[in-house]
Amino acid sequence: MQTLVRKVAHVLERLGLAMAGAASGLFVAALVGTSYSALTNQAFLLLMMIGGAIGFYLGIDTPQSPLSPSAGRPADGAWVGKIDAPELLSAVGTFLAAFSAFACVGVIVLRHDPHLVWILMIMAGWVVGVTMQIVAGTIARLRR
């Protein structure tokens, strides 16, 4: 019974992360769409929301690299001093995506009209961040 509760809780947590990613994608798409008329359509909004949902679902809470059972480190020293690439990609990607969404909400709420270059930088930060999350989550799950 406890295992079932843990699985349900984990699924709910992941769905919540996906919804947060979709909402963040919606904010970025709303700002970019209002500033750049070519991207003012429902397909762009949906694409950004789906990308955010997948990125936050896969990229946050990635499984750690496999370790040996003794002392938490591999016996042959394979992971000693090495960077866990998926963990780093996930962290940087989450930061970029969240910061971009935060900047969008700030611009929308404060009713600023930033230059197109700033809008493109926010969009680039979002796309790169979500892509890093998706790649990190995929790598971490494939190495299990």
N, C-alpha and C. Protein backbone atom coordinates (compact mmCIF):
# COMPACT_ATOMS: atom_id res chain seq x y z
N MET A 1 0.82 -1.19 0.00
CA MET A 1 0.00 0.00 0.00
C MET A 1 0.87 1.25 0.00
N GLN A 2 1.94 1.25 0.80
CA GLN A 2 2.80 2.43 0.87
C GLN A 2 3.48 2.68 -0.48
N THR A 3 3.83 1.60 -1.19
CA THR A 3 4.44 1.76 -2.50
C THR A 3 3.48 2.42 -3.48
N LEU A 4 2.21 2.04 -3.42
CA LEU A 4 1.21 2.64 -4.30
C LEU A 4 1.05 4.13 -3.99
N VAL A 5 1.03 4.46 -2.72
CA VAL A 5 0.90 5.87 -2.32
C VAL A 5 2.10 6.67 -2.80
N ARG A 6 3.29 6.09 -2.69
CA ARG A 6 4.50 6.78 -3.15
C ARG A 6 4.48 6.99 -4.66
N LYS A 7 4.00 5.98 -5.40
CA LYS A 7 3.94 6.11 -6.85
C LYS A 7 2.93 7.17 -7.26
N VAL A 8 1.78 7.18 -6.61
CA VAL A 8 0.76 8.19 -6.92
C VAL A 8 1.29 9.58 -6.58
N ALA A 9 1.95 9.71 -5.43
CA ALA A 9 2.51 11.01 -5.04
C ALA A 9 3.55 11.47 -6.05
N HIS A 10 4.38 10.55 -6.53
CA HIS A 10 5.42 10.91 -7.51
C HIS A 10 4.78 11.35 -8.83
N VAL A 11 3.75 10.65 -9.26
CA VAL A 11 3.07 11.03 -10.51
C VAL A 11 2.42 12.41 -10.35
N LEU A 12 1.78 12.65 -9.21
CA LEU A 12 1.16 13.97 -8.98
C LEU A 12 2.22 15.07 -8.96
N GLU A 13 3.36 14.79 -8.35
CA GLU A 13 4.44 15.77 -8.31
C GLU A 13 4.92 16.09 -9.72
N ARG A 14 5.13 15.07 -10.53
CA ARG A 14 5.61 15.27 -11.90
C ARG A 14 4.59 16.01 -12.75
N LEU A 15 3.29 15.68 -12.57
CA LEU A 15 2.25 16.40 -13.30
C LEU A 15 2.20 17.87 -12.88
N GLY A 16 2.41 18.13 -11.60
CA GLY A 16 2.47 19.51 -11.12
C GLY A 16 3.63 20.27 -11.74
N LEU A 17 4.77 19.62 -11.86
CA LEU A 17 5.92 20.25 -12.51
C LEU A 17 5.63 20.52 -13.98
N ALA A 18 4.97 19.57 -14.63
CA ALA A 18 4.61 19.76 -16.04
C ALA A 18 3.66 20.94 -16.21
N MET A 19 2.70 21.06 -15.29
CA MET A 19 1.77 22.19 -15.37
C MET A 19 2.49 23.52 -15.12
N ALA A 20 3.44 23.53 -14.20
CA ALA A 20 4.22 24.75 -13.96
C ALA A 20 5.04 25.10 -15.20
N GLY A 21 5.60 24.11 -15.86
CA GLY A 21 6.34 24.35 -17.10
C GLY A 21 5.44 24.87 -18.21
N ALA A 22 4.24 24.31 -18.31
CA ALA A 22 3.30 24.78 -19.33
C ALA A 22 2.87 26.22 -19.05
N ALA A 23 2.62 26.54 -17.79
CA ALA A 23 2.24 27.91 -17.44
C ALA A 23 3.38 28.88 -17.73
N SER A 24 4.60 28.47 -17.44
CA SER A 24 5.76 29.32 -17.73
C SER A 24 5.89 29.53 -19.24
N GLY A 25 5.68 28.48 -20.00
CA GLY A 25 5.72 28.59 -21.46
C GLY A 25 4.64 29.52 -21.98
N LEU A 26 3.48 29.49 -21.34
CA LEU A 26 2.39 30.38 -21.73
C LEU A 26 2.77 31.85 -21.51
N PHE A 27 3.41 32.15 -20.38
CA PHE A 27 3.83 33.53 -20.12
C PHE A 27 4.86 34.00 -21.14
N VAL A 28 5.82 33.15 -21.44
CA VAL A 28 6.85 33.52 -22.41
C VAL A 28 6.21 33.72 -23.79
N ALA A 29 5.33 32.81 -24.17
CA ALA A 29 4.66 32.92 -25.47
C ALA A 29 3.79 34.17 -25.54
N ALA A 30 3.13 34.51 -24.45
CA ALA A 30 2.28 35.71 -24.43
C ALA A 30 3.12 36.96 -24.64
N LEU A 31 4.24 37.05 -23.95
CA LEU A 31 5.10 38.23 -24.10
C LEU A 31 5.70 38.30 -25.50
N VAL A 32 6.24 37.18 -25.97
CA VAL A 32 6.88 37.17 -27.28
C VAL A 32 5.83 37.42 -28.37
N GLY A 33 4.66 36.82 -28.23
CA GLY A 33 3.61 36.99 -29.23
C GLY A 33 3.08 38.40 -29.32
N THR A 34 3.00 39.10 -28.19
CA THR A 34 2.53 40.48 -28.23
C THR A 34 3.60 41.44 -28.75
N SER A 35 4.85 41.01 -28.71
CA SER A 35 5.94 41.88 -29.16
C SER A 35 6.37 41.60 -30.60
N TYR A 36 6.12 40.41 -31.06
CA TYR A 36 6.55 40.00 -32.39
C TYR A 36 5.34 39.40 -33.09
N SER A 37 4.73 40.14 -33.97
CA SER A 37 3.42 39.79 -34.54
C SER A 37 3.41 38.46 -35.30
N ALA A 38 4.52 38.04 -35.87
CA ALA A 38 4.56 36.79 -36.61
C ALA A 38 4.32 35.57 -35.70
N LEU A 39 4.55 35.75 -34.40
CA LEU A 39 4.36 34.64 -33.46
C LEU A 39 3.08 34.78 -32.64
N THR A 40 2.15 35.58 -33.14
CA THR A 40 0.88 35.76 -32.45
C THR A 40 -0.13 34.77 -33.03
N ASN A 41 -0.02 33.51 -32.60
CA ASN A 41 -0.99 32.51 -33.03
C ASN A 41 -1.09 31.40 -31.98
N GLN A 42 -2.13 30.62 -32.09
CA GLN A 42 -2.38 29.58 -31.11
C GLN A 42 -1.37 28.44 -31.21
N ALA A 43 -0.86 28.18 -32.39
CA ALA A 43 0.12 27.11 -32.55
C ALA A 43 1.39 27.43 -31.76
N PHE A 44 1.82 28.68 -31.80
CA PHE A 44 3.02 29.09 -31.05
C PHE A 44 2.77 28.95 -29.55
N LEU A 45 1.61 29.40 -29.09
CA LEU A 45 1.27 29.25 -27.66
C LEU A 45 1.29 27.78 -27.25
N LEU A 46 0.68 26.94 -28.06
CA LEU A 46 0.62 25.51 -27.74
C LEU A 46 2.01 24.88 -27.75
N LEU A 47 2.81 25.24 -28.73
CA LEU A 47 4.18 24.71 -28.82
C LEU A 47 5.00 25.08 -27.59
N MET A 48 4.90 26.33 -27.17
CA MET A 48 5.65 26.78 -25.99
C MET A 48 5.16 26.08 -24.72
N MET A 49 3.86 25.88 -24.61
CA MET A 49 3.31 25.20 -23.43
C MET A 49 3.71 23.73 -23.40
N ILE A 50 3.66 23.07 -24.54
CA ILE A 50 4.06 21.65 -24.60
C ILE A 50 5.55 21.51 -24.31
N GLY A 51 6.36 22.39 -24.90
CA GLY A 51 7.80 22.35 -24.62
C GLY A 51 8.10 22.55 -23.14
N GLY A 52 7.42 23.52 -22.52
CA GLY A 52 7.62 23.75 -21.08
C GLY A 52 7.17 22.57 -20.24
N ALA A 53 6.05 21.97 -20.60
CA ALA A 53 5.55 20.82 -19.84
C ALA A 53 6.52 19.64 -19.94
N ILE A 54 7.00 19.35 -21.13
CA ILE A 54 7.95 18.24 -21.31
C ILE A 54 9.27 18.54 -20.60
N GLY A 55 9.76 19.76 -20.75
CA GLY A 55 11.02 20.13 -20.13
C GLY A 55 10.97 20.03 -18.62
N PHE A 56 9.94 20.58 -18.01
CA PHE A 56 9.84 20.55 -16.55
C PHE A 56 9.53 19.13 -16.06
N TYR A 57 8.79 18.34 -16.83
CA TYR A 57 8.49 16.96 -16.43
C TYR A 57 9.75 16.11 -16.44
N LEU A 58 10.53 16.21 -17.51
CA LEU A 58 11.73 15.37 -17.64
C LEU A 58 12.95 15.96 -16.93
N GLY A 59 13.10 17.27 -16.98
CA GLY A 59 14.35 17.89 -16.57
C GLY A 59 14.50 18.17 -15.10
N ILE A 60 13.40 18.21 -14.37
CA ILE A 60 13.49 18.44 -12.93
C ILE A 60 13.36 17.09 -12.25
N ASP A 61 14.15 16.86 -11.22
CA ASP A 61 14.14 15.58 -10.51
C ASP A 61 14.68 14.45 -11.39
N THR A 62 15.85 14.70 -12.01
CA THR A 62 16.47 13.66 -12.83
C THR A 62 17.15 12.64 -11.93
N PRO A 63 17.12 11.36 -12.33
CA PRO A 63 17.83 10.34 -11.55
C PRO A 63 19.32 10.62 -11.53
N GLN A 64 19.95 10.40 -10.37
CA GLN A 64 21.38 10.64 -10.26
C GLN A 64 22.15 9.52 -10.94
N SER A 65 23.45 9.77 -11.15
CA SER A 65 24.29 8.76 -11.78
C SER A 65 24.37 7.53 -10.90
N PRO A 66 24.52 6.36 -11.51
CA PRO A 66 24.58 5.12 -10.74
C PRO A 66 25.82 5.07 -9.85
N LEU A 67 25.62 4.72 -8.60
CA LEU A 67 26.72 4.61 -7.65
C LEU A 67 26.78 3.20 -7.10
N SER A 68 27.94 2.80 -6.60
CA SER A 68 28.04 1.49 -5.99
C SER A 68 27.45 1.54 -4.59
N PRO A 69 27.01 0.40 -4.07
CA PRO A 69 26.37 0.41 -2.75
C PRO A 69 27.30 0.75 -1.60
N SER A 70 28.61 0.60 -1.77
CA SER A 70 29.53 0.83 -0.66
C SER A 70 30.01 2.27 -0.61
N ALA A 71 29.73 2.94 0.47
CA ALA A 71 30.21 4.31 0.75
C ALA A 71 29.73 5.34 -0.26
N GLY A 72 28.76 4.98 -1.10
CA GLY A 72 28.20 5.93 -2.03
C GLY A 72 29.11 6.30 -3.19
N ARG A 73 30.24 5.64 -3.34
CA ARG A 73 31.15 5.93 -4.46
C ARG A 73 31.52 4.63 -5.16
N PRO A 74 31.74 4.71 -6.46
CA PRO A 74 32.14 3.51 -7.19
C PRO A 74 33.50 3.01 -6.72
N ALA A 75 33.65 1.70 -6.73
CA ALA A 75 34.90 1.09 -6.27
C ALA A 75 36.08 1.45 -7.18
N ASP A 76 35.83 1.55 -8.47
CA ASP A 76 36.92 1.83 -9.39
C ASP A 76 37.19 3.32 -9.56
N GLY A 77 36.43 4.16 -8.87
CA GLY A 77 36.64 5.60 -8.94
C GLY A 77 36.14 6.23 -10.22
N ALA A 78 35.23 5.55 -10.92
CA ALA A 78 34.76 6.03 -12.22
C ALA A 78 34.09 7.40 -12.14
N TRP A 79 33.38 7.69 -11.07
CA TRP A 79 32.67 8.96 -11.00
C TRP A 79 33.35 9.97 -10.08
N VAL A 80 34.47 9.60 -9.49
CA VAL A 80 35.15 10.50 -8.57
C VAL A 80 35.75 11.67 -9.36
N GLY A 81 35.39 12.88 -8.98
CA GLY A 81 35.93 14.07 -9.61
C GLY A 81 35.32 14.41 -10.96
N LYS A 82 34.33 13.64 -11.40
CA LYS A 82 33.69 13.92 -12.68
C LYS A 82 32.36 14.64 -12.47
N ILE A 83 32.00 15.41 -13.43
CA ILE A 83 30.73 16.15 -13.38
C ILE A 83 29.62 15.26 -13.92
N ASP A 84 28.50 15.27 -13.22
CA ASP A 84 27.32 14.55 -13.70
C ASP A 84 26.63 15.47 -14.70
N ALA A 85 26.85 15.22 -16.00
CA ALA A 85 26.36 16.11 -17.05
C ALA A 85 24.86 16.33 -17.01
N PRO A 86 24.03 15.28 -16.86
CA PRO A 86 22.59 15.54 -16.81
C PRO A 86 22.17 16.42 -15.63
N GLU A 87 22.82 16.25 -14.50
CA GLU A 87 22.49 17.07 -13.34
C GLU A 87 22.84 18.54 -13.60
N LEU A 88 23.98 18.78 -14.22
CA LEU A 88 24.39 20.15 -14.55
C LEU A 88 23.47 20.76 -15.61
N LEU A 89 23.17 19.99 -16.66
CA LEU A 89 22.26 20.47 -17.70
C LEU A 89 20.89 20.79 -17.12
N SER A 90 20.41 19.93 -16.24
CA SER A 90 19.10 20.14 -15.61
C SER A 90 19.09 21.41 -14.78
N ALA A 91 20.13 21.60 -14.00
CA ALA A 91 20.20 22.79 -13.13
C ALA A 91 20.26 24.08 -13.94
N VAL A 92 21.13 24.12 -14.93
CA VAL A 92 21.27 25.33 -15.74
C VAL A 92 20.01 25.56 -16.58
N GLY A 93 19.48 24.48 -17.13
CA GLY A 93 18.25 24.60 -17.93
C GLY A 93 17.07 25.08 -17.11
N THR A 94 16.92 24.54 -15.90
CA THR A 94 15.84 24.98 -15.03
C THR A 94 16.00 26.45 -14.67
N PHE A 95 17.23 26.86 -14.38
CA PHE A 95 17.46 28.26 -14.05
C PHE A 95 17.11 29.17 -15.23
N LEU A 96 17.57 28.83 -16.43
CA LEU A 96 17.30 29.66 -17.60
C LEU A 96 15.80 29.75 -17.90
N ALA A 97 15.13 28.62 -17.86
CA ALA A 97 13.69 28.61 -18.16
C ALA A 97 12.91 29.37 -17.09
N ALA A 98 13.23 29.15 -15.84
CA ALA A 98 12.52 29.84 -14.76
C ALA A 98 12.81 31.33 -14.77
N PHE A 99 14.05 31.71 -15.02
CA PHE A 99 14.40 33.13 -15.07
C PHE A 99 13.69 33.82 -16.23
N SER A 100 13.62 33.16 -17.37
CA SER A 100 12.92 33.73 -18.53
C SER A 100 11.45 33.92 -18.22
N ALA A 101 10.83 32.93 -17.60
CA ALA A 101 9.42 33.05 -17.24
C ALA A 101 9.22 34.16 -16.21
N PHE A 102 10.12 34.26 -15.25
CA PHE A 102 10.04 35.30 -14.23
C PHE A 102 10.15 36.69 -14.87
N ALA A 103 11.07 36.82 -15.81
CA ALA A 103 11.24 38.10 -16.51
C ALA A 103 9.98 38.45 -17.30
N CYS A 104 9.37 37.46 -17.93
CA CYS A 104 8.14 37.70 -18.69
C CYS A 104 7.01 38.17 -17.79
N VAL A 105 6.84 37.51 -16.68
CA VAL A 105 5.78 37.91 -15.75
C VAL A 105 6.04 39.33 -15.25
N GLY A 106 7.28 39.65 -14.95
CA GLY A 106 7.61 41.00 -14.51
C GLY A 106 7.29 42.04 -15.56
N VAL A 107 7.63 41.75 -16.81
CA VAL A 107 7.36 42.70 -17.89
C VAL A 107 5.85 42.86 -18.10
N ILE A 108 5.12 41.74 -18.03
CA ILE A 108 3.67 41.80 -18.24
C ILE A 108 2.98 42.55 -17.10
N VAL A 109 3.34 42.24 -15.88
CA VAL A 109 2.69 42.87 -14.73
C VAL A 109 3.03 44.35 -14.64
N LEU A 110 4.28 44.70 -14.88
CA LEU A 110 4.69 46.11 -14.80
C LEU A 110 4.37 46.90 -16.07
N ARG A 111 3.84 46.22 -17.07
CA ARG A 111 3.41 46.83 -18.33
C ARG A 111 4.52 47.60 -19.02
N HIS A 112 5.69 46.99 -19.05
CA HIS A 112 6.81 47.58 -19.77
C HIS A 112 6.73 47.20 -21.24
N ASP A 113 7.41 47.93 -22.05
CA ASP A 113 7.50 47.63 -23.47
C ASP A 113 8.98 47.54 -23.84
N PRO A 114 9.61 46.37 -23.54
CA PRO A 114 11.04 46.26 -23.80
C PRO A 114 11.35 46.21 -25.29
N HIS A 115 12.58 46.54 -25.60
CA HIS A 115 13.08 46.49 -26.98
C HIS A 115 13.01 45.04 -27.47
N LEU A 116 12.88 44.88 -28.77
CA LEU A 116 12.77 43.55 -29.37
C LEU A 116 13.97 42.65 -29.04
N VAL A 117 15.14 43.24 -28.88
CA VAL A 117 16.34 42.45 -28.54
C VAL A 117 16.16 41.77 -27.18
N TRP A 118 15.57 42.47 -26.21
CA TRP A 118 15.34 41.87 -24.90
C TRP A 118 14.33 40.73 -25.00
N ILE A 119 13.31 40.92 -25.81
CA ILE A 119 12.30 39.88 -26.01
C ILE A 119 12.95 38.64 -26.62
N LEU A 120 13.79 38.85 -27.61
CA LEU A 120 14.48 37.72 -28.25
C LEU A 120 15.44 37.03 -27.28
N MET A 121 16.08 37.79 -26.40
CA MET A 121 16.96 37.17 -25.40
C MET A 121 16.15 36.33 -24.41
N ILE A 122 15.00 36.82 -24.01
CA ILE A 122 14.13 36.05 -23.11
C ILE A 122 13.68 34.77 -23.81
N MET A 123 13.28 34.89 -25.07
CA MET A 123 12.84 33.72 -25.84
C MET A 123 13.98 32.72 -25.99
N ALA A 124 15.17 33.21 -26.29
CA ALA A 124 16.32 32.32 -26.43
C ALA A 124 16.64 31.63 -25.11
N GLY A 125 16.58 32.37 -24.01
CA GLY A 125 16.81 31.75 -22.70
C GLY A 125 15.81 30.66 -22.40
N TRP A 126 14.57 30.90 -22.75
CA TRP A 126 13.52 29.90 -22.51
C TRP A 126 13.77 28.64 -23.37
N VAL A 127 14.01 28.84 -24.66
CA VAL A 127 14.19 27.71 -25.57
C VAL A 127 15.43 26.90 -25.19
N VAL A 128 16.53 27.58 -24.91
CA VAL A 128 17.76 26.88 -24.53
C VAL A 128 17.56 26.16 -23.20
N GLY A 129 16.93 26.82 -22.24
CA GLY A 129 16.70 26.20 -20.93
C GLY A 129 15.83 24.96 -21.00
N VAL A 130 14.73 25.05 -21.72
CA VAL A 130 13.83 23.90 -21.83
C VAL A 130 14.50 22.77 -22.62
N THR A 131 15.26 23.12 -23.64
CA THR A 131 15.99 22.10 -24.40
C THR A 131 17.01 21.39 -23.52
N MET A 132 17.71 22.15 -22.69
CA MET A 132 18.67 21.55 -21.77
C MET A 132 17.97 20.60 -20.78
N GLN A 133 16.80 20.99 -20.31
CA GLN A 133 16.04 20.14 -19.40
C GLN A 133 15.64 18.83 -20.08
N ILE A 134 15.15 18.92 -21.29
CA ILE A 134 14.72 17.72 -22.01
C ILE A 134 15.90 16.80 -22.27
N VAL A 135 17.02 17.36 -22.70
CA VAL A 135 18.21 16.54 -22.96
C VAL A 135 18.71 15.90 -21.66
N ALA A 136 18.74 16.66 -20.58
CA ALA A 136 19.21 16.12 -19.30
C ALA A 136 18.32 15.00 -18.81
N GLY A 137 17.02 15.20 -18.88
CA GLY A 137 16.09 14.16 -18.43
C GLY A 137 16.19 12.90 -19.27
N THR A 138 16.36 13.08 -20.57
CA THR A 138 16.48 11.93 -21.46
C THR A 138 17.77 11.15 -21.19
N ILE A 139 18.89 11.85 -21.05
CA ILE A 139 20.17 11.19 -20.75
C ILE A 139 20.10 10.46 -19.43
N ALA A 140 19.57 11.10 -18.41
CA ALA A 140 19.51 10.49 -17.07
C ALA A 140 18.65 9.25 -17.06
N ARG A 141 17.58 9.24 -17.82
CA ARG A 141 16.70 8.07 -17.83
C ARG A 141 17.24 6.94 -18.71
N LEU A 142 18.01 7.28 -19.73
CA LEU A 142 18.58 6.25 -20.60
C LEU A 142 19.75 5.50 -19.95
N ARG A 143 20.42 6.12 -19.03
CA ARG A 143 21.59 5.47 -18.42
C ARG A 143 21.24 4.56 -17.24
N ARG A 144 19.99 4.53 -16.87
CA ARG A 144 19.59 3.66 -15.74
C ARG A 144 19.83 2.23 -16.02
